[in-house]
C-alpha atoms as a PDB file:
ATOM      1  CA  MET A   1      -0.250  -0.306  -0.136  1.00  0.00           C
ATOM      2  CA  GLU A   2       1.283   3.481  -1.352  1.00  0.00           C
ATOM      3  CA  PHE A   3       0.304   7.084  -0.604  1.00  0.00           C
ATOM      4  CA  GLY A   4       0.832   9.606  -3.006  1.00  0.00           C
ATOM      5  CA  GLY A   5       1.447   7.395  -5.821  1.00  0.00           C
ATOM      6  CA  PRO A   6       5.069   5.774  -6.979  1.00  0.00           C
ATOM      7  CA  LEU A   7       7.709   6.993  -5.208  1.00  0.00           C
ATOM      8  CA  PRO A   8      10.918   8.465  -7.352  1.00  0.00           C
ATOM      9  CA  VAL A   9      13.625   6.166  -7.992  1.00  0.00           C
ATOM     10  CA  SER A  10      17.144   6.803  -5.942  1.00  0.00           C
ATOM     11  CA  PRO A  11      20.447   7.514  -8.728  1.00  0.00           C
ATOM     12  CA  ILE A  12      22.067   5.042  -6.140  1.00  0.00           C
ATOM     13  CA  GLY A  13      19.848   2.055  -5.525  1.00  0.00           C
ATOM     14  CA  PRO A  14      18.160   1.551  -2.504  1.00  0.00           C
ATOM     15  CA  TYR A  15      21.273   0.183   0.303  1.00  0.00           C
ATOM     16  CA  TRP A  16      18.371  -2.250   1.663  1.00  0.00           C
ATOM     17  CA  GLY A  17      16.546  -4.090  -1.213  1.00  0.00           C
ATOM     18  CA  LYS A  18      13.579  -3.405  -3.010  1.00  0.00           C
ATOM     19  CA  ALA A  19      11.023  -2.760   0.239  1.00  0.00           C
ATOM     20  CA  THR A  20       8.816  -5.346   1.335  1.00  0.00           C
ATOM     21  CA  SER A  21       6.958  -3.780   3.926  1.00  0.00           C
ATOM     22  CA  THR A  22       3.300  -2.607   3.175  1.00  0.00           C
ATOM     23  CA  ILE A  23       3.149   0.795   3.391  1.00  0.00           C
ATOM     24  CA  ASP A  24       5.974   3.164   1.667  1.00  0.00           C
ATOM     25  CA  TRP A  25       5.478   6.917   3.582  1.00  0.00           C
ATOM     26  CA  CYS A  26       5.888  10.760   1.550  1.00  0.00           C
ATOM     27  CA  GLU A  27       9.120  10.516   2.386  1.00  0.00           C
ATOM     28  CA  GLU A  28      11.100  10.513  -0.844  1.00  0.00           C
ATOM     29  CA  ASN A  29      13.233   7.491  -0.505  1.00  0.00           C
ATOM     30  CA  TYR A  30      17.222   7.803  -0.109  1.00  0.00           C
ATOM     31  CA  ALA A  31      17.146  11.340  -0.987  1.00  0.00           C
ATOM     32  CA  VAL A  32      19.589  11.880   2.145  1.00  0.00           C
ATOM     33  CA  CYS A  33      21.347   9.244   2.844  1.00  0.00           C
ATOM     34  CA  LYS A  34      22.063   6.001   0.779  1.00  0.00           C
ATOM     35  CA  TYR A  35      22.338   4.173   3.490  1.00  0.00           C
ATOM     36  CA  ILE A  36      18.100   5.372   5.299  1.00  0.00           C
ATOM     37  CA  ALA A  37      15.667   4.778   3.325  1.00  0.00           C
ATOM     38  CA  GLU A  38      13.701   7.472   4.925  1.00  0.00           C
ATOM     39  CA  PHE A  39      15.515  10.093   6.295  1.00  0.00           C
ATOM     40  CA  TRP A  40      13.585  12.044   8.477  1.00  0.00           C
ATOM     41  CA  ASN A  41      10.920   9.940   9.421  1.00  0.00           C
ATOM     42  CA  THR A  42      14.205   7.815  10.997  1.00  0.00           C
ATOM     43  CA  THR A  43      15.938  10.168  12.999  1.00  0.00           C
ATOM     44  CA  THR A  44      13.443  11.707  14.337  1.00  0.00           C
ATOM     45  CA  ASN A  45      12.658   8.304  16.541  1.00  0.00           C
ATOM     46  CA  LEU A  46      15.793   9.738  18.758  1.00  0.00           C
ATOM     47  CA  VAL A  47      12.786  11.641  20.305  1.00  0.00           C
ATOM     48  CA  PHE A  48      11.165   8.002  21.929  1.00  0.00           C
ATOM     49  CA  PHE A  49      15.302   7.737  22.887  1.00  0.00           C
ATOM     50  CA  ALA A  50      15.549  10.761  24.705  1.00  0.00           C
ATOM     51  CA  LEU A  51      12.318  10.945  26.163  1.00  0.00           C
ATOM     52  CA  ALA A  52      12.030   6.942  27.679  1.00  0.00           C
ATOM     53  CA  LEU A  53      16.178   6.918  28.211  1.00  0.00           C
ATOM     54  CA  TYR A  54      15.353   9.791  31.179  1.00  0.00           C
ATOM     55  CA  GLY A  55      11.808   8.298  32.137  1.00  0.00           C
ATOM     56  CA  MET A  56      13.387   5.262  32.844  1.00  0.00           C
ATOM     57  CA  TYR A  57      16.130   7.175  34.437  1.00  0.00           C
ATOM     58  CA  LYS A  58      14.202   9.418  36.099  1.00  0.00           C
ATOM     59  CA  VAL A  59      11.927   5.956  38.334  1.00  0.00           C
ATOM     60  CA  LYS A  60      15.306   4.748  39.571  1.00  0.00           C
ATOM     61  CA  THR A  61      16.528   7.852  40.946  1.00  0.00           C
ATOM     62  CA  THR A  62      13.444   8.678  42.446  1.00  0.00           C
ATOM     63  CA  ARG A  63      12.524   4.988  43.591  1.00  0.00           C
ATOM     64  CA  GLN A  64       9.161   3.998  41.942  1.00  0.00           C
ATOM     65  CA  GLU A  65       8.004   1.202  41.020  1.00  0.00           C
ATOM     66  CA  ASN A  66       9.108  -1.262  38.151  1.00  0.00           C
ATOM     67  CA  ARG A  67       5.972  -1.118  36.212  1.00  0.00           C
ATOM     68  CA  PHE A  68       6.833   2.469  35.318  1.00  0.00           C
ATOM     69  CA  LEU A  69      10.085   0.999  33.788  1.00  0.00           C
ATOM     70  CA  PHE A  70       8.850  -1.842  31.983  1.00  0.00           C
ATOM     71  CA  CYS A  71       6.341   1.483  30.030  1.00  0.00           C
ATOM     72  CA  TYR A  72       9.405   3.018  29.150  1.00  0.00           C
ATOM     73  CA  ILE A  73      11.500   0.025  27.892  1.00  0.00           C
ATOM     74  CA  GLY A  74       8.133  -0.359  25.970  1.00  0.00           C
ATOM     75  CA  MET A  75       8.811   3.305  24.055  1.00  0.00           C
ATOM     76  CA  LEU A  76      12.427   2.510  23.929  1.00  0.00           C
ATOM     77  CA  VAL A  77      11.385  -0.456  21.976  1.00  0.00           C
ATOM     78  CA  VAL A  78       8.565   1.075  19.546  1.00  0.00           C
ATOM     79  CA  GLY A  79      11.369   3.919  18.403  1.00  0.00           C
ATOM     80  CA  THR A  80      13.870   1.065  17.987  1.00  0.00           C
ATOM     81  CA  GLY A  81      11.209  -0.422  15.549  1.00  0.00           C
ATOM     82  CA  SER A  82      10.225   2.334  13.727  1.00  0.00           C
ATOM     83  CA  TRP A  83      14.437   3.871  13.414  1.00  0.00           C
ATOM     84  CA  LEU A  84      14.905   0.216  11.501  1.00  0.00           C
ATOM     85  CA  PHE A  85      11.804   0.406   9.783  1.00  0.00           C
ATOM     86  CA  HIS A  86      11.752   3.422   8.859  1.00  0.00           C
ATOM     87  CA  MET A  87      15.872   3.114   7.799  1.00  0.00           C
ATOM     88  CA  THR A  88      15.348  -0.391   5.347  1.00  0.00           C
ATOM     89  CA  LEU A  89      11.124   0.121   4.638  1.00  0.00           C
ATOM     90  CA  GLN A  90      11.675  -4.274   5.129  1.00  0.00           C
ATOM     91  CA  TYR A  91       8.354  -5.623   6.315  1.00  0.00           C
ATOM     92  CA  GLN A  92      10.008  -7.694   9.530  1.00  0.00           C
ATOM     93  CA  TRP A  93      11.245  -3.982  10.566  1.00  0.00           C
ATOM     94  CA  GLN A  94       7.777  -3.157   9.728  1.00  0.00           C
ATOM     95  CA  LEU A  95       6.462  -5.632  12.514  1.00  0.00           C
ATOM     96  CA  ALA A  96       9.308  -4.672  14.791  1.00  0.00           C
ATOM     97  CA  ASP A  97       7.665  -1.152  14.822  1.00  0.00           C
ATOM     98  CA  GLU A  98       3.601  -1.900  14.823  1.00  0.00           C
ATOM     99  CA  LEU A  99       3.563  -4.602  16.966  1.00  0.00           C
ATOM    100  CA  PRO A 100       5.403  -2.766  19.955  1.00  0.00           C
ATOM    101  CA  MET A 101       3.113  -0.309  19.757  1.00  0.00           C
ATOM    102  CA  ILE A 102       0.423  -3.345  20.728  1.00  0.00           C
ATOM    103  CA  TYR A 103       2.397  -4.761  23.855  1.00  0.00           C
ATOM    104  CA  GLY A 104       3.542  -0.883  25.355  1.00  0.00           C
ATOM    105  CA  THR A 105       0.047   0.098  25.287  1.00  0.00           C
ATOM    106  CA  CYS A 106      -0.997  -3.067  27.233  1.00  0.00           C
ATOM    107  CA  VAL A 107       1.637  -2.406  30.088  1.00  0.00           C
ATOM    108  CA  CYS A 108      -0.086   1.466  30.325  1.00  0.00           C
ATOM    109  CA  ILE A 109      -2.998  -0.282  29.980  1.00  0.00           C
ATOM    110  CA  TYR A 110      -2.449  -2.088  33.157  1.00  0.00           C
ATOM    111  CA  CYS A 111      -1.046   0.632  35.093  1.00  0.00           C
ATOM    112  CA  ALA A 112      -4.217   2.433  34.508  1.00  0.00           C
ATOM    113  CA  LEU A 113      -6.361  -0.409  34.816  1.00  0.00           C
ATOM    114  CA  GLN A 114      -4.002  -0.939  38.316  1.00  0.00           C
ATOM    115  CA  ALA A 115      -3.603   2.283  39.749  1.00  0.00           C
ATOM    116  CA  ASP A 116      -6.301   1.034  42.757  1.00  0.00           C
ATOM    117  CA  VAL A 117      -4.476  -1.977  43.863  1.00  0.00           C
ATOM    118  CA  LYS A 118      -2.039  -0.902  46.093  1.00  0.00           C
ATOM    119  CA  VAL A 119      -0.661  -4.583  46.775  1.00  0.00           C
ATOM    120  CA  GLY A 120       0.015  -7.528  44.545  1.00  0.00           C
ATOM    121  CA  SER A 121      -1.805  -7.595  40.626  1.00  0.00           C
ATOM    122  CA  ASP A 122      -5.074  -9.160  38.862  1.00  0.00           C
ATOM    123  CA  VAL A 123      -4.449 -11.812  37.350  1.00  0.00           C
ATOM    124  CA  TYR A 124      -7.193 -11.746  34.897  1.00  0.00           C
ATOM    125  CA  VAL A 125      -5.873  -8.304  33.804  1.00  0.00           C
ATOM    126  CA  SER A 126      -2.450  -9.449  32.840  1.00  0.00           C
ATOM    127  CA  LEU A 127      -3.655 -12.648  31.321  1.00  0.00           C
ATOM    128  CA  GLY A 128      -6.206 -10.369  29.483  1.00  0.00           C
ATOM    129  CA  LEU A 129      -3.694  -8.421  28.326  1.00  0.00           C
ATOM    130  CA  PHE A 130      -1.408 -10.708  27.169  1.00  0.00           C
ATOM    131  CA  SER A 131      -4.121 -12.379  25.486  1.00  0.00           C
ATOM    132  CA  TYR A 132      -5.210  -9.013  23.613  1.00  0.00           C
ATOM    133  CA  SER A 133      -1.544  -8.871  22.382  1.00  0.00           C
ATOM    134  CA  ALA A 134      -1.559 -12.439  21.071  1.00  0.00           C
ATOM    135  CA  VAL A 135      -5.000 -12.473  18.829  1.00  0.00           C
ATOM    136  CA  VAL A 136      -3.864  -8.753  17.300  1.00  0.00           C
ATOM    137  CA  THR A 137      -0.126 -10.436  16.546  1.00  0.00           C
ATOM    138  CA  LEU A 138      -1.671 -13.777  15.179  1.00  0.00           C
ATOM    139  CA  VAL A 139      -4.034 -11.516  12.784  1.00  0.00           C
ATOM    140  CA  TYR A 140      -2.109  -9.087  11.893  1.00  0.00           C
ATOM    141  CA  VAL A 141       0.639 -11.668  11.024  1.00  0.00           C
ATOM    142  CA  GLN A 142      -2.154 -13.250   8.330  1.00  0.00           C
ATOM    143  CA  ILE A 143      -3.778 -10.429   6.784  1.00  0.00           C
ATOM    144  CA  ARG A 144      -0.875  -7.685   6.698  1.00  0.00           C
ATOM    145  CA  LYS A 145      -3.652  -5.147   6.242  1.00  0.00           C
ATOM    146  CA  PRO A 146      -2.080  -1.552   8.386  1.00  0.00           C
ATOM    147  CA  VAL A 147      -6.027  -0.363   9.084  1.00  0.00           C
ATOM    148  CA  PHE A 148      -6.249  -3.585  11.475  1.00  0.00           C
ATOM    149  CA  HIS A 149      -3.320  -2.977  13.302  1.00  0.00           C
ATOM    150  CA  GLN A 150      -4.149   0.750  13.826  1.00  0.00           C
ATOM    151  CA  VAL A 151      -8.013   0.705  15.261  1.00  0.00           C
ATOM    152  CA  ALA A 152      -6.546  -1.830  17.388  1.00  0.00           C
ATOM    153  CA  TYR A 153      -3.644  -0.129  18.826  1.00  0.00           C
ATOM    154  CA  ALA A 154      -6.516   3.039  18.655  1.00  0.00           C
ATOM    155  CA  ALA A 155      -9.042   0.457  21.135  1.00  0.00           C
ATOM    156  CA  GLU A 156      -6.209   0.510  23.693  1.00  0.00           C
ATOM    157  CA  VAL A 157      -5.437   4.202  23.530  1.00  0.00           C
ATOM    158  CA  ALA A 158      -9.474   4.600  24.067  1.00  0.00           C
ATOM    159  CA  VAL A 159      -9.556   1.816  27.080  1.00  0.00           C
ATOM    160  CA  ILE A 160      -6.853   4.543  28.669  1.00  0.00           C
ATOM    161  CA  VAL A 161      -8.196   7.236  27.961  1.00  0.00           C
ATOM    162  CA  ILE A 162     -11.664   6.557  29.823  1.00  0.00           C
ATOM    163  CA  ARG A 163      -9.785   4.595  32.309  1.00  0.00           C
ATOM    164  CA  ASN A 164      -7.735   7.418  33.234  1.00  0.00           C
ATOM    165  CA  THR A 165     -10.891  10.335  33.065  1.00  0.00           C
ATOM    166  CA  MET A 166     -12.727   7.692  35.169  1.00  0.00           C
ATOM    167  CA  HIS A 167      -9.801   8.138  38.036  1.00  0.00           C
ATOM    168  CA  GLN A 168      -9.419  12.286  37.713  1.00  0.00           C
ATOM    169  CA  ILE A 169     -13.412  12.835  38.075  1.00  0.00           C
ATOM    170  CA  GLU A 170     -13.113  10.577  41.802  1.00  0.00           C
ATOM    171  CA  ILE A 171      -9.865  12.811  42.494  1.00  0.00           C
ATOM    172  CA  ARG A 172     -11.470  15.670  41.957  1.00  0.00           C
ATOM    173  CA  LYS A 173     -13.470  15.165  45.498  1.00  0.00           C
ATOM    174  CA  THR A 174     -10.932  14.788  47.504  1.00  0.00           C
ATOM    175  CA  ASN A 175      -7.092  16.498  45.908  1.00  0.00           C
ATOM    176  CA  ILE A 176      -7.798  18.834  43.601  1.00  0.00           C
ATOM    177  CA  ARG A 177      -4.510  19.940  43.592  1.00  0.00           C
ATOM    178  CA  ALA A 178      -3.466  16.793  41.953  1.00  0.00           C
ATOM    179  CA  TYR A 179      -6.512  16.812  39.720  1.00  0.00           C
ATOM    180  CA  THR A 180      -5.543  19.625  38.408  1.00  0.00           C
ATOM    181  CA  GLU A 181      -1.754  17.564  37.564  1.00  0.00           C
ATOM    182  CA  LEU A 182      -3.779  15.156  35.771  1.00  0.00           C
ATOM    183  CA  VAL A 183      -5.458  17.315  33.771  1.00  0.00           C
ATOM    184  CA  ASN A 184      -2.534  18.919  32.591  1.00  0.00           C
ATOM    185  CA  MET A 185      -0.554  16.099  31.263  1.00  0.00           C
ATOM    186  CA  PHE A 186      -3.806  14.216  30.359  1.00  0.00           C
ATOM    187  CA  TRP A 187      -5.024  17.451  27.635  1.00  0.00           C
ATOM    188  CA  LEU A 188      -0.874  17.278  27.259  1.00  0.00           C
ATOM    189  CA  GLY A 189      -0.945  14.090  26.348  1.00  0.00           C
ATOM    190  CA  ILE A 190      -3.795  14.383  24.199  1.00  0.00           C
ATOM    191  CA  GLY A 191      -3.156  17.561  22.875  1.00  0.00           C
ATOM    192  CA  SER A 192       0.291  15.503  21.274  1.00  0.00           C
ATOM    193  CA  PHE A 193      -1.018  12.928  19.705  1.00  0.00           C
ATOM    194  CA  GLY A 194      -3.811  14.338  18.341  1.00  0.00           C
ATOM    195  CA  GLY A 195      -1.308  17.248  16.683  1.00  0.00           C
ATOM    196  CA  ALA A 196       0.573  13.829  15.406  1.00  0.00           C
ATOM    197  CA  PHE A 197      -2.907  12.642  13.675  1.00  0.00           C
ATOM    198  CA  VAL A 198      -3.819  15.506  11.974  1.00  0.00           C
ATOM    199  CA  LEU A 199      -0.013  15.851  10.275  1.00  0.00           C
ATOM    200  CA  TRP A 200      -0.088  12.155   9.563  1.00  0.00           C
ATOM    201  CA  ASN A 201      -3.575  12.399   7.818  1.00  0.00           C
ATOM    202  CA  ILE A 202      -1.980  15.089   6.122  1.00  0.00           C
ATOM    203  CA  ASP A 203       1.037  13.590   4.819  1.00  0.00           C
ATOM    204  CA  ASN A 204      -1.050  10.667   3.634  1.00  0.00           C
ATOM    205  CA  VAL A 205      -3.498  12.507   1.779  1.00  0.00           C
ATOM    206  CA  PHE A 206      -1.848  15.761   0.811  1.00  0.00           C
ATOM    207  CA  CYS A 207       1.331  13.095  -0.717  1.00  0.00           C
ATOM    208  CA  ASN A 208       1.749  14.709  -3.869  1.00  0.00           C
ATOM    209  CA  GLU A 209       0.990  18.099  -3.280  1.00  0.00           C
ATOM    210  CA  LEU A 210       3.440  18.212  -0.386  1.00  0.00           C
ATOM    211  CA  ARG A 211       6.298  16.658  -2.869  1.00  0.00           C
ATOM    212  CA  ALA A 212       5.764  18.861  -5.074  1.00  0.00           C
ATOM    213  CA  LEU A 213       6.175  21.706  -2.450  1.00  0.00           C
ATOM    214  CA  ARG A 214       9.091  20.333  -1.206  1.00  0.00           C
ATOM    215  CA  THR A 215      10.927  20.298  -4.574  1.00  0.00           C
ATOM    216  CA  VAL A 216      10.404  24.144  -4.755  1.00  0.00           C
ATOM    217  CA  LEU A 217      11.913  25.070  -1.505  1.00  0.00           C
ATOM    218  CA  PRO A 218      15.811  25.864  -0.492  1.00  0.00           C
ATOM    219  CA  ALA A 219      16.999  22.563   1.011  1.00  0.00           C
ATOM    220  CA  PRO A 220      17.395  23.472   4.495  1.00  0.00           C
ATOM    221  CA  LEU A 221      13.294  24.419   4.792  1.00  0.00           C
ATOM    222  CA  SER A 222      12.288  21.168   2.712  1.00  0.00           C
ATOM    223  CA  PRO A 223      12.683  19.359   5.795  1.00  0.00           C
ATOM    224  CA  LEU A 224       9.585  21.225   7.980  1.00  0.00           C
ATOM    225  CA  PHE A 225       7.579  19.768   5.713  1.00  0.00           C
ATOM    226  CA  GLN A 226       7.972  16.113   6.095  1.00  0.00           C
ATOM    227  CA  LEU A 227       5.007  15.613   8.156  1.00  0.00           C
ATOM    228  CA  HIS A 228       5.276  12.023   9.203  1.00  0.00           C
ATOM    229  CA  ALA A 229       8.372  12.855  10.961  1.00  0.00           C
ATOM    230  CA  TYR A 230       5.766  14.604  13.533  1.00  0.00           C
ATOM    231  CA  TRP A 231       4.161  12.546  14.033  1.00  0.00           C
ATOM    232  CA  HIS A 232       6.636  10.180  15.563  1.00  0.00           C
ATOM    233  CA  ILE A 233       7.631  13.645  17.679  1.00  0.00           C
ATOM    234  CA  GLY A 234       4.569  14.400  18.768  1.00  0.00           C
ATOM    235  CA  THR A 235       3.806  10.336  19.692  1.00  0.00           C
ATOM    236  CA  ALA A 236       7.033  10.567  21.533  1.00  0.00           C
ATOM    237  CA  LEU A 237       6.074  13.235  24.120  1.00  0.00           C
ATOM    238  CA  GLY A 238       2.471  11.833  23.791  1.00  0.00           C
ATOM    239  CA  CYS A 239       3.586   7.765  24.841  1.00  0.00           C
ATOM    240  CA  TYR A 240       6.108  10.070  27.540  1.00  0.00           C
ATOM    241  CA  VAL A 241       4.005  12.386  29.192  1.00  0.00           C
ATOM    242  CA  SER A 242       1.108   8.826  29.565  1.00  0.00           C
ATOM    243  CA  ILE A 243       3.352   6.964  31.336  1.00  0.00           C
ATOM    244  CA  VAL A 244       4.254  10.354  33.325  1.00  0.00           C
ATOM    245  CA  TYR A 245       0.449  10.735  34.237  1.00  0.00           C
ATOM    246  CA  GLN A 246      -0.006   6.682  35.541  1.00  0.00           C
ATOM    247  CA  GLN A 247       3.537   7.646  38.160  1.00  0.00           C
ATOM    248  CA  TYR A 248       1.508  10.908  39.506  1.00  0.00           C
ATOM    249  CA  LEU A 249      -1.695   8.781  39.194  1.00  0.00           C
ATOM    250  CA  ARG A 250      -0.173   5.827  40.901  1.00  0.00           C
ATOM    251  CA  LEU A 251       1.150   8.358  43.696  1.00  0.00           C
ATOM    252  CA  VAL A 252      -1.780   9.833  44.332  1.00  0.00           C
ATOM    253  CA  LYS A 253      -3.687   6.297  44.589  1.00  0.00           C
ATOM    254  CA  LEU A 254      -1.272   5.083  47.088  1.00  0.00           C
ATOM    255  CA  GLY A 255      -1.473   8.270  49.182  1.00  0.00           C
ATOM    256  CA  THR A 256       2.140   9.194  49.287  1.00  0.00           C
ATOM    257  CA  ILE A 257       1.716  11.991  46.095  1.00  0.00           C
ATOM    258  CA  ASP A 258       2.806  14.434  49.109  1.00  0.00           C
ATOM    259  CA  ASP A 259       6.408  13.217  48.849  1.00  0.00           C
ATOM    260  CA  PHE A 260       6.678  13.824  45.215  1.00  0.00           C
ATOM    261  CA  CYS A 261       5.836  17.138  42.606  1.00  0.00           C
ATOM    262  CA  VAL A 262       5.900  17.698  39.040  1.00  0.00           C
ATOM    263  CA  ARG A 263       8.376  19.419  37.180  1.00  0.00           C
ATOM    264  CA  ARG A 264       9.042  20.334  34.034  1.00  0.00           C
ATOM    265  CA  LEU A 265      12.094  20.316  31.263  1.00  0.00           C
ATOM    266  CA  ALA A 266      11.514  23.672  29.132  1.00  0.00           C
ATOM    267  CA  LEU A 267       7.928  24.570  31.064  1.00  0.00           C
ATOM    268  CA  VAL A 268       6.621  21.631  28.553  1.00  0.00           C
ATOM    269  CA  VAL A 269       8.458  18.327  29.051  1.00  0.00           C
ATOM    270  CA  PRO A 270       7.005  16.898  33.134  1.00  0.00           C
ATOM    271  CA  TYR A 271       8.346  14.168  35.347  1.00  0.00           C
ATOM    272  CA  ILE A 272       8.042  13.623  39.026  1.00  0.00           C
ATOM    273  CA  ASP A 273      10.982  14.472  41.206  1.00  0.00           C
ATOM    274  CA  ARG A 274      10.812  14.056  44.999  1.00  0.00           C
ATOM    275  CA  ARG A 275      10.070  16.594  47.310  1.00  0.00           C
ATOM    276  CA  LYS A 276      13.205  18.391  49.522  1.00  0.00           C
ATOM    277  CA  LYS A 277      13.227  17.746  53.002  1.00  0.00           C
ATOM    278  CA  VAL A 278      13.137  21.180  54.705  1.00  0.00           C
ATOM    279  CA  ALA A 279      15.305  20.819  57.896  1.00  0.00           C
END
C-alpha cells in the first residue's frame, strides 16, 4: 500500500533492497543518505530514545515501581523498531515497529487499570492483556492490513483515555491539586497525539502536493514539510506524558503524592521528582 503514488527512484539505488513493507510513506526514499530509506522519518525517532531513557532514569532515581520502567522500555523498543522500519522499509522491521506499539500500550493499560491496587496484581487483567496482544499479533501477520493494526492500537488508547477520565473524576472530589496536575498532563498528551494524528493524515492525503512543494523549497526548508516526521515527535511526547501521568496517578492512589511533585523541562515536558525535605 502506497500513499500518493510511486516514489522517485534514487540514482544510488536502495541500499536495503526493494521495499517489502506494506506501507511506503510520503518521504522520498534514499534522498538524503544511501544507508537510510526515509531519513527524516528515521532520525526523528531519536525523540523516543531521549524521552524513554530519561523516564527510565527518573524512575530509578525516585525509586518508583518497576511497572513504569517496563512502560519506558516498551517506548524504547517502539522507537527502535520504528527506526529500523523507516531506515530499511523491510516488512520484518515494520512488524518490529507496529507490534511493540500494541505490547507497550498493554503495559500502560495495566497501569491504568491497576492504579488502585496497593498490593499484588489482578492475574485476570494480565491474562486479558496478554491474550489481546497475542490475538492482534496472529491476525495481523495473517491479513497484513495496516488498518487492522491502527484500529487495534486506537482501541487500546481509548481504554486508557476512558479509565484515566474516570480516575480524574474520582480524584477531583478529594484532591484538587492532584486533579489539576493530572488534567494538565492529560491534555498535553491528548494534544500531542491529536496534533501528530492530524499531520499524519495530511501527509497521507496530500502527499503529491507536499512532494511538489518540497521540490521548489530551498534545501534547509524542505524537511519542515516531512509531516510524518512530526508524527514521531508528537507520539513520542504523548507516550512519555501518558507514562508520567500514570506515575503521578499511582502516587495519588497510594497516598504518597505529598512526597513527590511534578517538574517540567523547558516548561513543557513533565517529570516526577521527590520533594526536598525541609530541615
